[in-house]
Amino acid sequence: MKQLERSGKKLSEEERKELFDSTKKTYEEQTDPRYGAARLWIDKIIDPMETRQAITQALEAASLNPDVPEFKVGVLQT
């Protein structure tokens, strides 16, 4: 809204509400875990009742290889 107002456009109350509703709808769609899963951003959606089991399984898998060599990145140049 500020960007539109800076460019000289005056928004009516109806246009403000429409812009707000559009932004809110987009936000709600993109914060749904299924949105991220569809884009392969997450590995799995865990049922809240299975959280303890999933954490236990992850810790057991991590403990199978405790001797991981130190990762050295070398010199970083910016």
C-alpha atoms as a PDB file:
ATOM      1  CA  MET A   1       0.000   0.000   0.000  1.00  0.00           C
ATOM      2  CA  LYS A   2       2.842   2.372   0.830  1.00  0.00           C
ATOM      3  CA  GLN A   3       4.458   1.708  -2.534  1.00  0.00           C
ATOM      4  CA  LEU A   4       1.210   2.473  -4.352  1.00  0.00           C
ATOM      5  CA  GLU A   5       0.679   5.611  -2.290  1.00  0.00           C
ATOM      6  CA  ARG A   6       4.250   6.765  -3.025  1.00  0.00           C
ATOM      7  CA  SER A   7       3.602   6.421  -6.741  1.00  0.00           C
ATOM      8  CA  GLY A   8       0.608   8.732  -6.367  1.00  0.00           C
ATOM      9  CA  LYS A   9      -2.239   6.223  -6.386  1.00  0.00           C
ATOM     10  CA  LYS A  10      -4.839   6.701  -3.678  1.00  0.00           C
ATOM     11  CA  LEU A  11      -6.466   3.436  -2.572  1.00  0.00           C
ATOM     12  CA  SER A  12     -10.128   3.322  -1.708  1.00  0.00           C
ATOM     13  CA  GLU A  13     -11.293   1.343   1.308  1.00  0.00           C
ATOM     14  CA  GLU A  14     -12.581  -1.401  -0.997  1.00  0.00           C
ATOM     15  CA  GLU A  15      -9.209  -1.640  -2.788  1.00  0.00           C
ATOM     16  CA  ARG A  16      -7.397  -1.803   0.559  1.00  0.00           C
ATOM     17  CA  LYS A  17      -9.641  -4.636   1.723  1.00  0.00           C
ATOM     18  CA  GLU A  18      -9.166  -6.491  -1.580  1.00  0.00           C
ATOM     19  CA  LEU A  19      -5.372  -6.147  -1.343  1.00  0.00           C
ATOM     20  CA  PHE A  20      -5.402  -7.285   2.294  1.00  0.00           C
ATOM     21  CA  ASP A  21      -7.617 -10.311   1.517  1.00  0.00           C
ATOM     22  CA  SER A  22      -5.419 -11.292  -1.430  1.00  0.00           C
ATOM     23  CA  THR A  23      -2.234 -11.055   0.655  1.00  0.00           C
ATOM     24  CA  LYS A  24      -3.818 -12.971   3.534  1.00  0.00           C
ATOM     25  CA  LYS A  25      -5.025 -15.751   1.209  1.00  0.00           C
ATOM     26  CA  THR A  26      -1.554 -16.124  -0.332  1.00  0.00           C
ATOM     27  CA  TYR A  27       0.057 -16.196   3.128  1.00  0.00           C
ATOM     28  CA  GLU A  28      -2.357 -18.855   4.399  1.00  0.00           C
ATOM     29  CA  GLU A  29      -1.802 -21.040   1.324  1.00  0.00           C
ATOM     30  CA  GLN A  30       1.976 -20.823   1.521  1.00  0.00           C
ATOM     31  CA  THR A  31       2.220 -21.520   5.260  1.00  0.00           C
ATOM     32  CA  ASP A  32       0.328 -24.806   4.893  1.00  0.00           C
ATOM     33  CA  PRO A  33       2.774 -27.739   5.286  1.00  0.00           C
ATOM     34  CA  ARG A  34       1.299 -29.356   2.182  1.00  0.00           C
ATOM     35  CA  TYR A  35       2.446 -26.366   0.101  1.00  0.00           C
ATOM     36  CA  GLY A  36       6.069 -27.036   1.106  1.00  0.00           C
ATOM     37  CA  ALA A  37       5.683 -30.781   0.676  1.00  0.00           C
ATOM     38  CA  ALA A  38       4.356 -30.345  -2.858  1.00  0.00           C
ATOM     39  CA  ARG A  39       7.526 -28.431  -3.727  1.00  0.00           C
ATOM     40  CA  LEU A  40       9.783 -30.995  -2.009  1.00  0.00           C
ATOM     41  CA  TRP A  41      10.936 -28.417   0.551  1.00  0.00           C
ATOM     42  CA  ILE A  42      10.224 -30.853   3.392  1.00  0.00           C
ATOM     43  CA  ASP A  43      10.791 -34.582   3.676  1.00  0.00           C
ATOM     44  CA  LYS A  44       7.691 -35.632   5.549  1.00  0.00           C
ATOM     45  CA  ILE A  45       4.681 -34.312   7.398  1.00  0.00           C
ATOM     46  CA  ILE A  46       4.640 -35.978  10.797  1.00  0.00           C
ATOM     47  CA  ASP A  47       1.364 -36.654  12.566  1.00  0.00           C
ATOM     48  CA  PRO A  48       1.595 -34.938  15.979  1.00  0.00           C
ATOM     49  CA  MET A  49       0.809 -38.256  17.652  1.00  0.00           C
ATOM     50  CA  GLU A  50       3.927 -39.767  16.005  1.00  0.00           C
ATOM     51  CA  THR A  51       6.370 -37.011  16.944  1.00  0.00           C
ATOM     52  CA  ARG A  52       8.063 -38.918  19.755  1.00  0.00           C
ATOM     53  CA  GLN A  53       8.519 -41.972  17.548  1.00  0.00           C
ATOM     54  CA  ALA A  54       9.949 -39.875  14.684  1.00  0.00           C
ATOM     55  CA  ILE A  55      12.438 -38.124  16.982  1.00  0.00           C
ATOM     56  CA  THR A  56      13.523 -41.449  18.475  1.00  0.00           C
ATOM     57  CA  GLN A  57      14.042 -42.918  15.017  1.00  0.00           C
ATOM     58  CA  ALA A  58      16.080 -39.900  13.891  1.00  0.00           C
ATOM     59  CA  LEU A  59      18.309 -40.040  16.984  1.00  0.00           C
ATOM     60  CA  GLU A  60      18.879 -43.767  16.525  1.00  0.00           C
ATOM     61  CA  ALA A  61      19.885 -43.210  12.896  1.00  0.00           C
ATOM     62  CA  ALA A  62      22.239 -40.380  13.866  1.00  0.00           C
ATOM     63  CA  SER A  63      23.917 -42.506  16.528  1.00  0.00           C
ATOM     64  CA  LEU A  64      24.883 -45.220  14.015  1.00  0.00           C
ATOM     65  CA  ASN A  65      27.844 -43.184  12.743  1.00  0.00           C
ATOM     66  CA  PRO A  66      29.233 -41.101  15.611  1.00  0.00           C
ATOM     67  CA  ASP A  67      32.721 -40.691  14.030  1.00  0.00           C
ATOM     68  CA  VAL A  68      32.077 -38.066  11.378  1.00  0.00           C
ATOM     69  CA  PRO A  69      35.266 -36.308  10.245  1.00  0.00           C
ATOM     70  CA  GLU A  70      35.422 -32.559  10.735  1.00  0.00           C
ATOM     71  CA  PHE A  71      34.191 -30.635   7.707  1.00  0.00           C
ATOM     72  CA  LYS A  72      36.687 -28.003   6.565  1.00  0.00           C
ATOM     73  CA  VAL A  73      35.584 -25.432   4.046  1.00  0.00           C
ATOM     74  CA  GLY A  74      38.966 -23.899   3.346  1.00  0.00           C
ATOM     75  CA  VAL A  75      39.444 -20.206   2.780  1.00  0.00           C
ATOM     76  CA  LEU A  76      36.327 -18.129   2.204  1.00  0.00           C
ATOM     77  CA  GLN A  77      36.737 -15.137  -0.055  1.00  0.00           C
ATOM     78  CA  THR A  78      34.023 -12.542  -0.323  1.00  0.00           C
END
